[in-house]
């Protein structure tokens, strides 16, 4: 039996150059599942491909249909000039994790989330001498210009819808920054998100990261939000320990693969 992909909808192309399309997974022309392929904005010379929503009917599982469908989706993305692919696997999907590993994908990041509906514990005072304030226009322009991916995600600069940019100062010295704003998860949910939280090496282990995260949570609550999500690299043990201590739990794992 032959497993193939058959388009189930038109090719979608956005103003930012990204594209996506949904396919039926077919066995001898019989639909047995679905998969969606797409691209994210390019951070280099080529777009980053994505594979999501891979589903195979219960009766057809365990026969390699998902593996063949994933490989066929990779070929579609090769045709779209992608040289790297990201897949997002739910934290409670061990079968999908095994499939990703078998196809040569490696974990590149964990998406964590915290429920903010419970009454907030009294926030500890900021570390002595620490101030958190909005970036000035000049500070934001310099900060955005320092990293092209920021400019791609902030087409209107600090005025981009929902964007909040803050800087932390310790006795007048830069001690970190915080970028928050909405994010559309692969699950289709739009959630408040920590795009960046950074503390310079010389200012670490002084409670600044924890203070910035508490500040971010207060921003979400003040806006009526009930969750806050973020992404952390697998090898960033200090950050993972911080987020765990603040009550963040795994939601998704990003796996990536380079196409040759």
Protein backbone atom coordinates (compact mmCIF):
# COMPACT_ATOMS: atom_id res chain seq x y z
CA UNK A 1 0.00 0.00 0.00
CA UNK A 2 1.20 3.52 -0.84
CA UNK A 3 0.93 6.43 1.60
CA UNK A 4 0.78 9.87 -0.05
CA UNK A 5 -0.29 13.45 0.66
CA UNK A 6 -3.17 15.09 -1.19
CA UNK A 7 -3.92 18.84 -0.83
CA UNK A 8 -7.19 19.40 1.03
CA UNK A 9 -7.21 23.18 0.70
CA UNK A 10 -5.62 26.04 -1.22
CA UNK A 11 -2.13 27.31 -0.60
CA UNK A 12 -2.32 30.16 1.93
CA UNK A 13 0.20 33.00 1.52
CA UNK A 14 0.54 35.86 4.02
CA UNK A 15 1.84 39.37 3.51
CA UNK A 16 5.04 38.53 5.41
CA UNK A 17 5.94 35.85 2.86
CA UNK A 18 4.96 32.85 4.97
CA UNK A 19 2.79 30.12 3.50
CA UNK A 20 0.84 27.07 4.66
CA UNK A 21 -1.28 24.25 3.31
CA UNK A 22 -3.30 21.36 4.72
CA UNK A 23 -3.06 17.86 3.25
CA UNK A 24 -4.94 14.60 3.58
CA UNK A 25 -2.82 11.58 4.39
CA UNK A 26 -3.99 8.92 1.94
CA UNK A 27 -3.36 5.20 1.56
CA UNK A 28 -4.08 4.15 -2.02
CA UNK A 29 -6.17 7.36 -2.35
CA UNK A 30 -8.16 6.52 0.82
CA UNK A 31 -7.97 9.37 3.39
CA UNK A 32 -6.62 8.14 6.73
CA UNK A 33 -5.40 11.36 8.33
CA UNK A 34 -4.30 14.98 7.97
CA UNK A 35 -1.16 17.09 8.22
CA UNK A 36 -0.40 20.79 7.84
CA UNK A 37 2.84 22.26 6.56
CA UNK A 38 3.86 25.89 6.74
CA UNK A 39 6.69 28.35 7.10
CA UNK A 40 7.73 30.90 9.69
CA UNK A 41 9.36 34.24 8.89
CA UNK A 42 12.93 33.74 7.69
CA UNK A 43 15.67 34.52 10.18
CA UNK A 44 18.33 33.85 7.55
CA UNK A 45 18.33 33.38 3.81
CA UNK A 46 15.63 30.70 3.92
CA UNK A 47 12.31 30.28 5.79
CA UNK A 48 11.89 27.87 8.68
CA UNK A 49 9.45 25.09 7.81
CA UNK A 50 6.85 23.67 10.17
CA UNK A 51 4.88 20.43 10.30
CA UNK A 52 1.82 20.40 12.55
CA UNK A 53 -1.49 18.68 13.10
CA UNK A 54 -0.29 15.26 11.95
CA UNK A 55 -3.11 12.83 12.65
CA UNK A 56 -3.67 9.24 11.52
CA UNK A 57 -6.93 7.40 12.13
CA UNK A 58 -6.82 4.88 14.96
CA UNK A 59 -7.40 1.91 12.64
CA UNK A 60 -4.39 2.86 10.51
CA UNK A 61 -1.87 3.51 13.26
CA UNK A 62 1.12 1.30 13.90
CA UNK A 63 1.74 0.75 10.18
CA UNK A 64 4.21 3.54 9.47
CA UNK A 65 1.60 5.89 7.97
CA UNK A 66 2.68 8.78 10.21
CA UNK A 67 6.35 8.27 9.39
CA UNK A 68 5.75 8.30 5.64
CA UNK A 69 3.42 11.32 5.94
CA UNK A 70 6.06 13.26 7.90
CA UNK A 71 8.73 12.44 5.31
CA UNK A 72 6.38 13.51 2.50
CA UNK A 73 5.73 16.78 4.36
CA UNK A 74 9.49 17.35 4.54
CA UNK A 75 9.65 17.02 0.75
CA UNK A 76 6.96 19.69 0.39
CA UNK A 77 9.03 22.02 2.56
CA UNK A 78 12.17 21.29 0.56
CA UNK A 79 10.23 22.48 -2.46
CA UNK A 80 9.49 25.70 -0.54
CA UNK A 81 13.26 26.23 -0.10
CA UNK A 82 13.27 25.40 3.61
CA UNK A 83 16.51 23.96 4.96
CA UNK A 84 15.30 23.57 8.55
CA UNK A 85 12.04 22.23 10.00
CA UNK A 86 10.42 22.68 13.40
CA UNK A 87 7.70 20.47 14.86
CA UNK A 88 5.87 21.13 18.12
CA UNK A 89 4.98 18.11 20.24
CA UNK A 90 2.54 18.35 23.19
CA UNK A 91 4.10 17.52 26.54
CA UNK A 92 1.72 14.55 26.98
CA UNK A 93 2.35 12.89 23.58
CA UNK A 94 5.11 10.27 24.02
CA UNK A 95 4.30 8.57 20.70
CA UNK A 96 4.87 11.85 18.83
CA UNK A 97 8.13 12.34 20.73
CA UNK A 98 9.31 8.89 19.66
CA UNK A 99 8.37 9.62 16.03
CA UNK A 100 10.27 12.92 16.07
CA UNK A 101 13.36 11.25 17.51
CA UNK A 102 13.18 8.40 14.98
CA UNK A 103 13.09 10.92 12.12
CA UNK A 104 16.20 12.70 13.37
CA UNK A 105 14.65 15.69 15.13
CA UNK A 106 16.29 17.02 18.30
CA UNK A 107 14.71 19.10 21.06
CA UNK A 108 15.44 22.80 20.55
CA UNK A 109 13.17 24.40 23.11
CA UNK A 110 10.39 23.89 25.62
CA UNK A 111 7.24 26.03 25.75
CA UNK A 112 6.09 26.47 29.33
CA UNK A 113 2.85 27.96 30.65
CA UNK A 114 1.54 29.18 33.99
CA UNK A 115 -2.09 29.49 35.05
CA UNK A 116 -2.66 32.95 36.51
CA UNK A 117 -6.29 32.49 37.56
CA UNK A 118 -5.43 31.62 41.16
CA UNK A 119 -5.06 34.58 43.53
CA UNK A 120 -1.52 35.91 43.26
CA UNK A 121 0.75 35.50 46.23
CA UNK A 122 1.99 38.79 47.66
CA UNK A 123 4.89 39.80 45.45
CA UNK A 124 8.20 40.13 47.26
CA UNK A 125 9.74 43.59 47.13
CA UNK A 126 12.13 44.30 44.29
CA UNK A 127 15.82 43.73 45.08
CA UNK A 128 17.28 46.89 46.63
CA UNK A 129 18.15 49.46 43.99
CA UNK A 130 16.25 47.68 41.18
CA UNK A 131 13.82 49.64 39.01
CA UNK A 132 11.69 48.27 36.15
CA UNK A 133 10.33 50.84 33.69
CA UNK A 134 9.20 51.03 30.04
CA UNK A 135 11.95 51.43 27.45
CA UNK A 136 12.20 54.91 26.02
CA UNK A 137 11.74 55.35 22.28
CA UNK A 138 15.49 55.69 21.77
CA UNK A 139 16.23 52.63 23.90
CA UNK A 140 13.64 50.56 22.02
CA UNK A 141 14.97 51.63 18.61
CA UNK A 142 18.54 50.71 19.56
CA UNK A 143 17.46 47.41 21.10
CA UNK A 144 15.37 46.38 18.07
CA UNK A 145 18.13 47.32 15.63
CA UNK A 146 20.60 45.10 17.50
CA UNK A 147 18.82 41.89 16.38
CA UNK A 148 17.13 41.51 12.95
CA UNK A 149 14.66 38.85 14.22
CA UNK A 150 13.26 41.45 16.63
CA UNK A 151 12.61 43.85 13.77
CA UNK A 152 10.84 41.09 11.82
CA UNK A 153 8.47 40.42 14.74
CA UNK A 154 7.98 44.11 15.56
CA UNK A 155 7.04 45.70 12.21
CA UNK A 156 5.72 48.80 14.01
CA UNK A 157 8.48 48.85 16.58
CA UNK A 158 7.34 49.27 20.18
CA UNK A 159 3.90 50.28 18.84
CA UNK A 160 3.33 46.75 17.44
CA UNK A 161 -0.02 45.46 18.69
CA UNK A 162 0.19 44.22 22.28
CA UNK A 163 3.95 44.75 22.60
CA UNK A 164 5.39 45.80 25.97
CA UNK A 165 9.11 46.56 26.28
CA UNK A 166 10.67 47.13 29.69
CA UNK A 167 14.15 47.63 31.04
CA UNK A 168 15.48 46.84 34.51
CA UNK A 169 18.03 49.15 36.12
CA UNK A 170 20.05 48.45 39.25
CA UNK A 171 21.36 51.67 40.77
CA UNK A 172 21.16 53.22 37.31
CA UNK A 173 23.01 50.34 35.58
CA UNK A 174 21.26 48.17 32.94
CA UNK A 175 20.28 44.94 34.71
CA UNK A 176 18.04 43.26 32.14
CA UNK A 177 15.13 43.67 29.77
CA UNK A 178 11.70 42.17 29.20
CA UNK A 179 9.70 41.84 25.98
CA UNK A 180 6.13 40.62 26.29
CA UNK A 181 3.29 40.44 23.80
CA UNK A 182 0.72 38.09 22.24
CA UNK A 183 1.78 34.88 20.53
CA UNK A 184 -0.18 32.36 18.46
CA UNK A 185 0.76 28.88 19.64
CA UNK A 186 0.79 25.88 17.26
CA UNK A 187 -2.36 24.75 19.08
CA UNK A 188 -4.16 27.79 17.65
CA UNK A 189 -4.35 29.56 21.01
CA UNK A 190 -3.33 33.21 21.26
CA UNK A 191 -1.69 33.78 24.63
CA UNK A 192 0.37 36.41 26.45
CA UNK A 193 3.98 35.47 25.89
CA UNK A 194 7.45 36.35 27.14
CA UNK A 195 9.38 36.84 23.90
CA UNK A 196 12.60 37.78 25.64
CA UNK A 197 13.88 38.02 29.17
CA UNK A 198 17.59 38.68 29.55
CA UNK A 199 19.90 39.61 32.41
CA UNK A 200 23.56 40.49 31.69
CA UNK A 201 26.13 38.09 33.10
CA UNK A 202 27.40 40.55 35.72
CA UNK A 203 23.87 41.08 37.07
CA UNK A 204 22.79 37.45 37.38
CA UNK A 205 22.06 35.50 40.57
CA UNK A 206 20.75 38.67 42.21
CA UNK A 207 17.01 38.06 41.78
CA UNK A 208 16.58 40.20 38.67
CA UNK A 209 15.18 37.44 36.45
CA UNK A 210 12.64 36.46 39.10
CA UNK A 211 11.63 40.10 39.56
CA UNK A 212 11.13 40.55 35.80
CA UNK A 213 8.99 37.41 35.60
CA UNK A 214 6.81 38.55 38.50
CA UNK A 215 6.49 41.89 36.77
CA UNK A 216 5.42 40.16 33.52
CA UNK A 217 2.77 38.16 35.37
CA UNK A 218 1.41 41.35 36.95
CA UNK A 219 1.18 42.93 33.48
CA UNK A 220 -0.90 39.99 32.22
CA UNK A 221 -3.21 40.01 35.24
CA UNK A 222 -3.72 43.77 34.94
CA UNK A 223 -4.78 43.28 31.31
CA UNK A 224 -7.27 40.55 32.26
CA UNK A 225 -5.17 37.62 31.03
CA UNK A 226 -5.24 34.23 32.72
CA UNK A 227 -2.08 32.55 31.38
CA UNK A 228 1.49 33.41 30.52
CA UNK A 229 3.70 31.30 28.24
CA UNK A 230 7.37 31.38 27.30
CA UNK A 231 10.07 29.34 25.58
CA UNK A 232 13.27 28.10 27.19
CA UNK A 233 16.25 26.31 25.67
CA UNK A 234 16.78 22.70 26.83
CA UNK A 235 20.34 23.44 27.98
CA UNK A 236 19.49 26.56 29.99
CA UNK A 237 19.33 24.86 33.38
CA UNK A 238 19.25 28.05 35.52
CA UNK A 239 16.31 29.45 33.56
CA UNK A 240 14.44 26.14 33.66
CA UNK A 241 14.94 25.96 37.43
CA UNK A 242 13.67 29.53 37.81
CA UNK A 243 10.52 28.89 35.78
CA UNK A 244 9.81 25.63 37.60
CA UNK A 245 10.10 27.42 40.96
CA UNK A 246 7.59 30.02 39.72
CA UNK A 247 5.05 27.33 38.79
CA UNK A 248 5.50 27.03 35.03
CA UNK A 249 4.73 23.62 33.52
CA UNK A 250 5.61 22.04 30.13
CA UNK A 251 3.10 22.63 27.37
CA UNK A 252 5.00 21.86 24.14
CA UNK A 253 8.46 20.81 23.02
CA UNK A 254 10.00 22.22 19.86
CA UNK A 255 11.99 19.70 17.82
CA UNK A 256 14.11 20.79 14.86
CA UNK A 257 15.85 19.08 11.97
CA UNK A 258 18.22 20.32 9.29
CA UNK A 259 17.44 19.22 5.73
CA UNK A 260 20.35 18.15 3.59
